[in-house]
Amino acid sequence: MQRTTVENDSEAGFVQGYSEVGDVRLHHVSVGDGLPVLLIPGWPQTWYVWRHVMKGLAEAGFKAIAVDPRGIGQSSRPARGYDTATAAADLHGLMR
């Protein structure tokens, strides 16, 4: 089960939140309205690497969502679950 909490809004229209997905708390940031587009950073980057792309997607009518995957940025750091299947399940749960 997923639970989402929104922590704050920034001046640029970015909304920061946290979602409980399985055994992990994922940090995510979104901007815009419309069809969702999920942006996933590569290691060791965080959601912040996508900030300029997110603005462009929002201006084009999409809801851009950038996530800190487990173990990165402000997401939780469980002892295990860093395989690709678990990472995919985390992201699928976030988008649901």
PDB file of N, CA and C in Angstrom:
ATOM      1  N   MET A   1       0.834  -1.180   0.000  1.00  0.00           N
ATOM      2  CA  MET A   1       0.000   0.000   0.000  1.00  0.00           C
ATOM      3  C   MET A   1       0.876   1.239   0.000  1.00  0.00           C
ATOM      4  N   GLN A   2       0.462   2.226  -0.747  1.00  0.00           N
ATOM      5  CA  GLN A   2       1.229   3.456  -0.865  1.00  0.00           C
ATOM      6  C   GLN A   2       0.549   4.572  -0.100  1.00  0.00           C
ATOM      7  N   ARG A   3       1.330   5.373   0.586  1.00  0.00           N
ATOM      8  CA  ARG A   3       0.837   6.561   1.254  1.00  0.00           C
ATOM      9  C   ARG A   3       1.726   7.710   0.827  1.00  0.00           C
ATOM     10  N   THR A   4       1.134   8.826   0.454  1.00  0.00           N
ATOM     11  CA  THR A   4       1.903   9.972  -0.006  1.00  0.00           C
ATOM     12  C   THR A   4       1.660  11.162   0.904  1.00  0.00           C
ATOM     13  N   THR A   5       2.726  11.854   1.252  1.00  0.00           N
ATOM     14  CA  THR A   5       2.604  13.104   1.988  1.00  0.00           C
ATOM     15  C   THR A   5       3.360  14.172   1.234  1.00  0.00           C
ATOM     16  N   VAL A   6       2.786  15.355   1.153  1.00  0.00           N
ATOM     17  CA  VAL A   6       3.438  16.482   0.497  1.00  0.00           C
ATOM     18  C   VAL A   6       4.026  17.359   1.583  1.00  0.00           C
ATOM     19  N   GLU A   7       5.305  17.621   1.478  1.00  0.00           N
ATOM     20  CA  GLU A   7       6.012  18.378   2.500  1.00  0.00           C
ATOM     21  C   GLU A   7       5.954  19.887   2.288  1.00  0.00           C
ATOM     22  N   ASN A   8       6.149  20.340   1.052  1.00  0.00           N
ATOM     23  CA  ASN A   8       6.145  21.780   0.813  1.00  0.00           C
ATOM     24  C   ASN A   8       6.067  22.093  -0.669  1.00  0.00           C
ATOM     25  N   ASP A   9       5.744  23.333  -0.975  1.00  0.00           N
ATOM     26  CA  ASP A   9       5.757  23.832  -2.351  1.00  0.00           C
ATOM     27  C   ASP A   9       6.865  24.870  -2.446  1.00  0.00           C
ATOM     28  N   SER A  10       7.593  24.854  -3.522  1.00  0.00           N
ATOM     29  CA  SER A  10       8.624  25.875  -3.712  1.00  0.00           C
ATOM     30  C   SER A  10       8.095  26.964  -4.624  1.00  0.00           C
ATOM     31  N   GLU A  11       8.820  28.040  -4.734  1.00  0.00           N
ATOM     32  CA  GLU A  11       8.399  29.172  -5.552  1.00  0.00           C
ATOM     33  C   GLU A  11       8.309  28.817  -7.031  1.00  0.00           C
ATOM     34  N   ALA A  12       9.101  27.868  -7.487  1.00  0.00           N
ATOM     35  CA  ALA A  12       9.130  27.509  -8.902  1.00  0.00           C
ATOM     36  C   ALA A  12       7.963  26.613  -9.300  1.00  0.00           C
ATOM     37  N   GLY A  13       7.066  26.285  -8.356  1.00  0.00           N
ATOM     38  CA  GLY A  13       5.948  25.419  -8.662  1.00  0.00           C
ATOM     39  C   GLY A  13       6.235  23.947  -8.429  1.00  0.00           C
ATOM     40  N   PHE A  14       7.430  23.619  -7.979  1.00  0.00           N
ATOM     41  CA  PHE A  14       7.772  22.233  -7.677  1.00  0.00           C
ATOM     42  C   PHE A  14       7.109  21.814  -6.366  1.00  0.00           C
ATOM     43  N   VAL A  15       6.561  20.625  -6.347  1.00  0.00           N
ATOM     44  CA  VAL A  15       5.939  20.077  -5.146  1.00  0.00           C
ATOM     45  C   VAL A  15       6.766  18.876  -4.703  1.00  0.00           C
ATOM     46  N   GLN A  16       7.241  18.915  -3.477  1.00  0.00           N
ATOM     47  CA  GLN A  16       8.056  17.841  -2.918  1.00  0.00           C
ATOM     48  C   GLN A  16       7.176  16.939  -2.073  1.00  0.00           C
ATOM     49  N   GLY A  17       7.365  15.641  -2.157  1.00  0.00           N
ATOM     50  CA  GLY A  17       6.588  14.717  -1.346  1.00  0.00           C
ATOM     51  C   GLY A  17       7.345  13.449  -1.048  1.00  0.00           C
ATOM     52  N   TYR A  18       6.733  12.633  -0.197  1.00  0.00           N
ATOM     53  CA  TYR A  18       7.285  11.334   0.175  1.00  0.00           C
ATOM     54  C   TYR A  18       6.175  10.314   0.044  1.00  0.00           C
ATOM     55  N   SER A  19       6.490   9.151  -0.489  1.00  0.00           N
ATOM     56  CA  SER A  19       5.524   8.061  -0.614  1.00  0.00           C
ATOM     57  C   SER A  19       6.087   6.810   0.021  1.00  0.00           C
ATOM     58  N   GLU A  20       5.281   6.165   0.844  1.00  0.00           N
ATOM     59  CA  GLU A  20       5.628   4.873   1.431  1.00  0.00           C
ATOM     60  C   GLU A  20       5.221   3.808   0.420  1.00  0.00           C
ATOM     61  N   VAL A  21       6.188   3.113  -0.137  1.00  0.00           N
ATOM     62  CA  VAL A  21       5.940   2.067  -1.128  1.00  0.00           C
ATOM     63  C   VAL A  21       6.617   0.800  -0.620  1.00  0.00           C
ATOM     64  N   GLY A  22       5.823  -0.145  -0.166  1.00  0.00           N
ATOM     65  CA  GLY A  22       6.411  -1.361   0.407  1.00  0.00           C
ATOM     66  C   GLY A  22       7.248  -1.015   1.620  1.00  0.00           C
ATOM     67  N   ASP A  23       8.518  -1.411   1.600  1.00  0.00           N
ATOM     68  CA  ASP A  23       9.405  -1.176   2.742  1.00  0.00           C
ATOM     69  C   ASP A  23      10.279   0.061   2.584  1.00  0.00           C
ATOM     70  N   VAL A  24       9.957   0.922   1.635  1.00  0.00           N
ATOM     71  CA  VAL A  24      10.818   2.068   1.362  1.00  0.00           C
ATOM     72  C   VAL A  24       9.991   3.361   1.334  1.00  0.00           C
ATOM     73  N   ARG A  25      10.618   4.438   1.761  1.00  0.00           N
ATOM     74  CA  ARG A  25      10.019   5.768   1.691  1.00  0.00           C
ATOM     75  C   ARG A  25      10.732   6.504   0.565  1.00  0.00           C
ATOM     76  N   LEU A  26       9.985   6.781  -0.514  1.00  0.00           N
ATOM     77  CA  LEU A  26      10.580   7.422  -1.684  1.00  0.00           C
ATOM     78  C   LEU A  26      10.307   8.913  -1.687  1.00  0.00           C
ATOM     79  N   HIS A  27      11.347   9.670  -1.913  1.00  0.00           N
ATOM     80  CA  HIS A  27      11.232  11.122  -2.067  1.00  0.00           C
ATOM     81  C   HIS A  27      10.992  11.412  -3.543  1.00  0.00           C
ATOM     82  N   HIS A  28      10.060  12.303  -3.828  1.00  0.00           N
ATOM     83  CA  HIS A  28       9.775  12.675  -5.213  1.00  0.00           C
ATOM     84  C   HIS A  28       9.402  14.143  -5.291  1.00  0.00           C
ATOM     85  N   VAL A  29       9.598  14.703  -6.458  1.00  0.00           N
ATOM     86  CA  VAL A  29       9.277  16.100  -6.722  1.00  0.00           C
ATOM     87  C   VAL A  29       8.509  16.141  -8.029  1.00  0.00           C
ATOM     88  N   SER A  30       7.458  16.952  -8.078  1.00  0.00           N
ATOM     89  CA  SER A  30       6.658  17.034  -9.300  1.00  0.00           C
ATOM     90  C   SER A  30       6.346  18.481  -9.633  1.00  0.00           C
ATOM     91  N   VAL A  31       5.992  18.679 -10.901  1.00  0.00           N
ATOM     92  CA  VAL A  31       5.572  19.991 -11.378  1.00  0.00           C
ATOM     93  C   VAL A  31       4.692  19.770 -12.598  1.00  0.00           C
ATOM     94  N   GLY A  32       3.674  20.610 -12.742  1.00  0.00           N
ATOM     95  CA  GLY A  32       2.812  20.546 -13.915  1.00  0.00           C
ATOM     96  C   GLY A  32       1.573  19.700 -13.706  1.00  0.00           C
ATOM     97  N   ASP A  33       0.732  19.682 -14.730  1.00  0.00           N
ATOM     98  CA  ASP A  33      -0.506  18.905 -14.758  1.00  0.00           C
ATOM     99  C   ASP A  33      -0.559  18.163 -16.086  1.00  0.00           C
ATOM    100  N   GLY A  34      -1.359  17.138 -16.144  1.00  0.00           N
ATOM    101  CA  GLY A  34      -1.488  16.377 -17.386  1.00  0.00           C
ATOM    102  C   GLY A  34      -0.989  14.967 -17.217  1.00  0.00           C
ATOM    103  N   LEU A  35      -0.681  14.338 -18.337  1.00  0.00           N
ATOM    104  CA  LEU A  35      -0.172  12.965 -18.298  1.00  0.00           C
ATOM    105  C   LEU A  35       1.158  12.919 -17.542  1.00  0.00           C
ATOM    106  N   PRO A  36       1.338  11.926 -16.667  1.00  0.00           N
ATOM    107  CA  PRO A  36       2.578  11.858 -15.892  1.00  0.00           C
ATOM    108  C   PRO A  36       3.756  11.322 -16.703  1.00  0.00           C
ATOM    109  N   VAL A  37       4.926  11.878 -16.425  1.00  0.00           N
ATOM    110  CA  VAL A  37       6.193  11.413 -16.990  1.00  0.00           C
ATOM    111  C   VAL A  37       7.134  11.195 -15.810  1.00  0.00           C
ATOM    112  N   LEU A  38       7.612   9.969 -15.632  1.00  0.00           N
ATOM    113  CA  LEU A  38       8.512   9.654 -14.533  1.00  0.00           C
ATOM    114  C   LEU A  38       9.959   9.806 -14.983  1.00  0.00           C
ATOM    115  N   LEU A  39      10.725  10.551 -14.220  1.00  0.00           N
ATOM    116  CA  LEU A  39      12.141  10.793 -14.504  1.00  0.00           C
ATOM    117  C   LEU A  39      12.966  10.146 -13.395  1.00  0.00           C
ATOM    118  N   ILE A  40      13.899   9.275 -13.793  1.00  0.00           N
ATOM    119  CA  ILE A  40      14.688   8.502 -12.843  1.00  0.00           C
ATOM    120  C   ILE A  40      16.158   8.870 -13.029  1.00  0.00           C
ATOM    121  N   PRO A  41      16.802   9.367 -11.994  1.00  0.00           N
ATOM    122  CA  PRO A  41      18.218   9.725 -12.134  1.00  0.00           C
ATOM    123  C   PRO A  41      19.118   8.500 -12.108  1.00  0.00           C
ATOM    124  N   GLY A  42      20.290   8.643 -12.669  1.00  0.00           N
ATOM    125  CA  GLY A  42      21.302   7.597 -12.585  1.00  0.00           C
ATOM    126  C   GLY A  42      22.133   7.797 -11.331  1.00  0.00           C
ATOM    127  N   TRP A  43      22.758   6.736 -10.881  1.00  0.00           N
ATOM    128  CA  TRP A  43      23.581   6.820  -9.678  1.00  0.00           C
ATOM    129  C   TRP A  43      24.821   7.657  -9.959  1.00  0.00           C
ATOM    130  N   PRO A  44      25.213   8.555  -9.109  1.00  0.00           N
ATOM    131  CA  PRO A  44      24.730   8.888  -7.772  1.00  0.00           C
ATOM    132  C   PRO A  44      23.858  10.143  -7.756  1.00  0.00           C
ATOM    133  N   GLN A  45      23.206  10.466  -8.836  1.00  0.00           N
ATOM    134  CA  GLN A  45      22.435  11.704  -8.922  1.00  0.00           C
ATOM    135  C   GLN A  45      21.091  11.581  -8.206  1.00  0.00           C
ATOM    136  N   THR A  46      20.468  12.735  -7.975  1.00  0.00           N
ATOM    137  CA  THR A  46      19.150  12.796  -7.349  1.00  0.00           C
ATOM    138  C   THR A  46      18.160  13.410  -8.333  1.00  0.00           C
ATOM    139  N   TRP A  47      16.920  13.596  -7.891  1.00  0.00           N
ATOM    140  CA  TRP A  47      15.872  14.193  -8.725  1.00  0.00           C
ATOM    141  C   TRP A  47      16.328  15.521  -9.318  1.00  0.00           C
ATOM    142  N   TYR A  48      17.196  16.226  -8.598  1.00  0.00           N
ATOM    143  CA  TYR A  48      17.594  17.589  -8.952  1.00  0.00           C
ATOM    144  C   TYR A  48      18.212  17.690 -10.345  1.00  0.00           C
ATOM    145  N   VAL A  49      18.820  16.619 -10.815  1.00  0.00           N
ATOM    146  CA  VAL A  49      19.435  16.623 -12.140  1.00  0.00           C
ATOM    147  C   VAL A  49      18.386  16.873 -13.238  1.00  0.00           C
ATOM    148  N   TRP A  50      17.117  16.588 -12.956  1.00  0.00           N
ATOM    149  CA  TRP A  50      16.032  16.724 -13.931  1.00  0.00           C
ATOM    150  C   TRP A  50      15.304  18.065 -13.860  1.00  0.00           C
ATOM    151  N   ARG A  51      15.670  18.975 -12.977  1.00  0.00           N
ATOM    152  CA  ARG A  51      14.894  20.189 -12.726  1.00  0.00           C
ATOM    153  C   ARG A  51      14.613  21.015 -13.978  1.00  0.00           C
ATOM    154  N   HIS A  52      15.565  21.158 -14.868  1.00  0.00           N
ATOM    155  CA  HIS A  52      15.339  21.966 -16.075  1.00  0.00           C
ATOM    156  C   HIS A  52      14.428  21.240 -17.064  1.00  0.00           C
ATOM    157  N   VAL A  53      14.617  19.947 -17.206  1.00  0.00           N
ATOM    158  CA  VAL A  53      13.769  19.139 -18.074  1.00  0.00           C
ATOM    159  C   VAL A  53      12.329  19.155 -17.553  1.00  0.00           C
ATOM    160  N   MET A  54      12.179  19.099 -16.233  1.00  0.00           N
ATOM    161  CA  MET A  54      10.845  19.089 -15.626  1.00  0.00           C
ATOM    162  C   MET A  54      10.062  20.346 -15.979  1.00  0.00           C
ATOM    163  N   LYS A  55      10.715  21.489 -15.948  1.00  0.00           N
ATOM    164  CA  LYS A  55      10.035  22.743 -16.311  1.00  0.00           C
ATOM    165  C   LYS A  55       9.544  22.690 -17.747  1.00  0.00           C
ATOM    166  N   GLY A  56      10.364  22.193 -18.656  1.00  0.00           N
ATOM    167  CA  GLY A  56       9.976  22.086 -20.056  1.00  0.00           C
ATOM    168  C   GLY A  56       8.810  21.127 -20.259  1.00  0.00           C
ATOM    169  N   LEU A  57       8.831  20.004 -19.548  1.00  0.00           N
ATOM    170  CA  LEU A  57       7.730  19.049 -19.648  1.00  0.00           C
ATOM    171  C   LEU A  57       6.433  19.654 -19.114  1.00  0.00           C
ATOM    172  N   ALA A  58       6.528  20.386 -18.016  1.00  0.00           N
ATOM    173  CA  ALA A  58       5.337  21.034 -17.456  1.00  0.00           C
ATOM    174  C   ALA A  58       4.779  22.070 -18.435  1.00  0.00           C
ATOM    175  N   GLU A  59       5.646  22.830 -19.050  1.00  0.00           N
ATOM    176  CA  GLU A  59       5.207  23.827 -20.032  1.00  0.00           C
ATOM    177  C   GLU A  59       4.565  23.174 -21.251  1.00  0.00           C
ATOM    178  N   ALA A  60       4.950  21.940 -21.539  1.00  0.00           N
ATOM    179  CA  ALA A  60       4.386  21.200 -22.675  1.00  0.00           C
ATOM    180  C   ALA A  60       3.095  20.466 -22.298  1.00  0.00           C
ATOM    181  N   GLY A  61       2.643  20.615 -21.056  1.00  0.00           N
ATOM    182  CA  GLY A  61       1.376  20.035 -20.650  1.00  0.00           C
ATOM    183  C   GLY A  61       1.453  18.708 -19.929  1.00  0.00           C
ATOM    184  N   PHE A  62       2.618  18.330 -19.449  1.00  0.00           N
ATOM    185  CA  PHE A  62       2.781  17.070 -18.729  1.00  0.00           C
ATOM    186  C   PHE A  62       2.962  17.325 -17.237  1.00  0.00           C
ATOM    187  N   LYS A  63       2.757  16.293 -16.446  1.00  0.00           N
ATOM    188  CA  LYS A  63       3.127  16.325 -15.031  1.00  0.00           C
ATOM    189  C   LYS A  63       4.445  15.579 -14.910  1.00  0.00           C
ATOM    190  N   ALA A  64       5.506  16.307 -14.666  1.00  0.00           N
ATOM    191  CA  ALA A  64       6.843  15.718 -14.535  1.00  0.00           C
ATOM    192  C   ALA A  64       7.053  15.297 -13.086  1.00  0.00           C
ATOM    193  N   ILE A  65       7.447  14.049 -12.906  1.00  0.00           N
ATOM    194  CA  ILE A  65       7.705  13.502 -11.573  1.00  0.00           C
ATOM    195  C   ILE A  65       9.121  12.943 -11.562  1.00  0.00           C
ATOM    196  N   ALA A  66       9.959  13.496 -10.712  1.00  0.00           N
ATOM    197  CA  ALA A  66      11.329  13.002 -10.576  1.00  0.00           C
ATOM    198  C   ALA A  66      11.466  12.370  -9.199  1.00  0.00           C
ATOM    199  N   VAL A  67      12.116  11.231  -9.140  1.00  0.00           N
ATOM    200  CA  VAL A  67      12.197  10.450  -7.908  1.00  0.00           C
ATOM    201  C   VAL A  67      13.646  10.262  -7.486  1.00  0.00           C
ATOM    202  N   ASP A  68      13.842  10.184  -6.178  1.00  0.00           N
ATOM    203  CA  ASP A  68      15.110   9.700  -5.625  1.00  0.00           C
ATOM    204  C   ASP A  68      14.885   8.213  -5.355  1.00  0.00           C
ATOM    205  N   PRO A  69      15.487   7.306  -6.138  1.00  0.00           N
ATOM    206  CA  PRO A  69      15.300   5.870  -5.878  1.00  0.00           C
ATOM    207  C   PRO A  69      15.829   5.483  -4.493  1.00  0.00           C
ATOM    208  N   ARG A  70      15.454   4.311  -4.024  1.00  0.00           N
ATOM    209  CA  ARG A  70      15.901   3.868  -2.696  1.00  0.00           C
ATOM    210  C   ARG A  70      17.415   3.978  -2.580  1.00  0.00           C
ATOM    211  N   GLY A  71      17.846   4.490  -1.432  1.00  0.00           N
ATOM    212  CA  GLY A  71      19.267   4.626  -1.164  1.00  0.00           C
ATOM    213  C   GLY A  71      19.898   5.892  -1.705  1.00  0.00           C
ATOM    214  N   ILE A  72      19.135   6.722  -2.400  1.00  0.00           N
ATOM    215  CA  ILE A  72      19.685   7.927  -3.011  1.00  0.00           C
ATOM    216  C   ILE A  72      18.921   9.155  -2.507  1.00  0.00           C
ATOM    217  N   GLY A  73      19.629  10.262  -2.334  1.00  0.00           N
ATOM    218  CA  GLY A  73      18.995  11.528  -1.950  1.00  0.00           C
ATOM    219  C   GLY A  73      18.243  11.415  -0.638  1.00  0.00           C
ATOM    220  N   GLN A  74      16.993  11.868  -0.661  1.00  0.00           N
ATOM    221  CA  GLN A  74      16.187  11.898   0.555  1.00  0.00           C
ATOM    222  C   GLN A  74      15.310  10.659   0.725  1.00  0.00           C
ATOM    223  N   SER A  75      15.447   9.665  -0.149  1.00  0.00           N
ATOM    224  CA  SER A  75      14.711   8.416   0.021  1.00  0.00           C
ATOM    225  C   SER A  75      15.387   7.572   1.097  1.00  0.00           C
ATOM    226  N   SER A  76      14.626   6.635   1.661  1.00  0.00           N
ATOM    227  CA  SER A  76      15.186   5.802   2.727  1.00  0.00           C
ATOM    228  C   SER A  76      16.254   4.859   2.178  1.00  0.00           C
ATOM    229  N   ARG A  77      17.026   4.318   3.097  1.00  0.00           N
ATOM    230  CA  ARG A  77      18.167   3.472   2.752  1.00  0.00           C
ATOM    231  C   ARG A  77      18.066   2.115   3.444  1.00  0.00           C
ATOM    232  N   PRO A  78      17.157   1.261   2.992  1.00  0.00           N
ATOM    233  CA  PRO A  78      17.059  -0.067   3.615  1.00  0.00           C
ATOM    234  C   PRO A  78      18.324  -0.884   3.356  1.00  0.00           C
ATOM    235  N   ALA A  79      18.511  -1.911   4.157  1.00  0.00           N
ATOM    236  CA  ALA A  79      19.722  -2.748   4.058  1.00  0.00           C
ATOM    237  C   ALA A  79      19.772  -3.546   2.765  1.00  0.00           C
ATOM    238  N   ARG A  80      18.614  -3.873   2.174  1.00  0.00           N
ATOM    239  CA  ARG A  80      18.609  -4.653   0.932  1.00  0.00           C
ATOM    240  C   ARG A  80      17.531  -4.145  -0.006  1.00  0.00           C
ATOM    241  N   GLY A  81      17.448  -4.778  -1.164  1.00  0.00           N
ATOM    242  CA  GLY A  81      16.437  -4.393  -2.141  1.00  0.00           C
ATOM    243  C   GLY A  81      16.979  -3.520  -3.248  1.00  0.00           C
ATOM    244  N   TYR A  82      18.260  -3.652  -3.574  1.00  0.00           N
ATOM    245  CA  TYR A  82      18.882  -2.815  -4.595  1.00  0.00           C
ATOM    246  C   TYR A  82      19.009  -3.524  -5.945  1.00  0.00           C
ATOM    247  N   ASP A  83      18.313  -4.631  -6.104  1.00  0.00           N
ATOM    248  CA  ASP A  83      18.304  -5.334  -7.385  1.00  0.00           C
ATOM    249  C   ASP A  83      17.312  -4.655  -8.325  1.00  0.00           C
ATOM    250  N   THR A  84      17.409  -4.945  -9.599  1.00  0.00           N
ATOM    251  CA  THR A  84      16.572  -4.259 -10.588  1.00  0.00           C
ATOM    252  C   THR A  84      15.088  -4.582 -10.438  1.00  0.00           C
ATOM    253  N   ALA A  85      14.750  -5.799 -10.039  1.00  0.00           N
ATOM    254  CA  ALA A  85      13.336  -6.160  -9.869  1.00  0.00           C
ATOM    255  C   ALA A  85      12.707  -5.350  -8.743  1.00  0.00           C
ATOM    256  N   THR A  86      13.416  -5.190  -7.646  1.00  0.00           N
ATOM    257  CA  THR A  86      12.892  -4.407  -6.532  1.00  0.00           C
ATOM    258  C   THR A  86      12.813  -2.934  -6.899  1.00  0.00           C
ATOM    259  N   ALA A  87      13.823  -2.440  -7.594  1.00  0.00           N
ATOM    260  CA  ALA A  87      13.793  -1.038  -8.043  1.00  0.00           C
ATOM    261  C   ALA A  87      12.590  -0.787  -8.947  1.00  0.00           C
ATOM    262  N   ALA A  88      12.322  -1.697  -9.855  1.00  0.00           N
ATOM    263  CA  ALA A  88      11.164  -1.563 -10.745  1.00  0.00           C
ATOM    264  C   ALA A  88       9.866  -1.611  -9.953  1.00  0.00           C
ATOM    265  N   ALA A  89       9.773  -2.502  -8.961  1.00  0.00           N
ATOM    266  CA  ALA A  89       8.575  -2.587  -8.132  1.00  0.00           C
ATOM    267  C   ALA A  89       8.363  -1.292  -7.339  1.00  0.00           C
ATOM    268  N   ASP A  90       9.447  -0.708  -6.831  1.00  0.00           N
ATOM    269  CA  ASP A  90       9.350   0.576  -6.127  1.00  0.00           C
ATOM    270  C   ASP A  90       8.749   1.645  -7.017  1.00  0.00           C
ATOM    271  N   LEU A  91       9.283   1.762  -8.229  1.00  0.00           N
ATOM    272  CA  LEU A  91       8.836   2.818  -9.144  1.00  0.00           C
ATOM    273  C   LEU A  91       7.409   2.578  -9.617  1.00  0.00           C
ATOM    274  N   HIS A  92       7.070   1.316  -9.859  1.00  0.00           N
ATOM    275  CA  HIS A  92       5.690   0.974 -10.242  1.00  0.00           C
ATOM    276  C   HIS A  92       4.739   1.348  -9.102  1.00  0.00           C
ATOM    277  N   GLY A  93       5.104   1.022  -7.884  1.00  0.00           N
ATOM    278  CA  GLY A  93       4.278   1.366  -6.730  1.00  0.00           C
ATOM    279  C   GLY A  93       4.120   2.856  -6.559  1.00  0.00           C
ATOM    280  N   LEU A  94       5.170   3.600  -6.806  1.00  0.00           N
ATOM    281  CA  LEU A  94       5.099   5.061  -6.716  1.00  0.00           C
ATOM    282  C   LEU A  94       4.108   5.619  -7.719  1.00  0.00           C
ATOM    283  N   MET A  95       4.149   5.130  -8.931  1.00  0.00           N
ATOM    284  CA  MET A  95       3.271   5.670  -9.971  1.00  0.00           C
ATOM    285  C   MET A  95       1.809   5.241  -9.791  1.00  0.00           C
ATOM    286  N   ARG A  96       1.588   4.128  -9.128  1.00  0.00           N
ATOM    287  CA  ARG A  96       0.208   3.706  -8.859  1.00  0.00           C
ATOM    288  C   ARG A  96      -0.416   4.658  -7.907  1.00  0.00           C
TER     289      ARG A  96
END
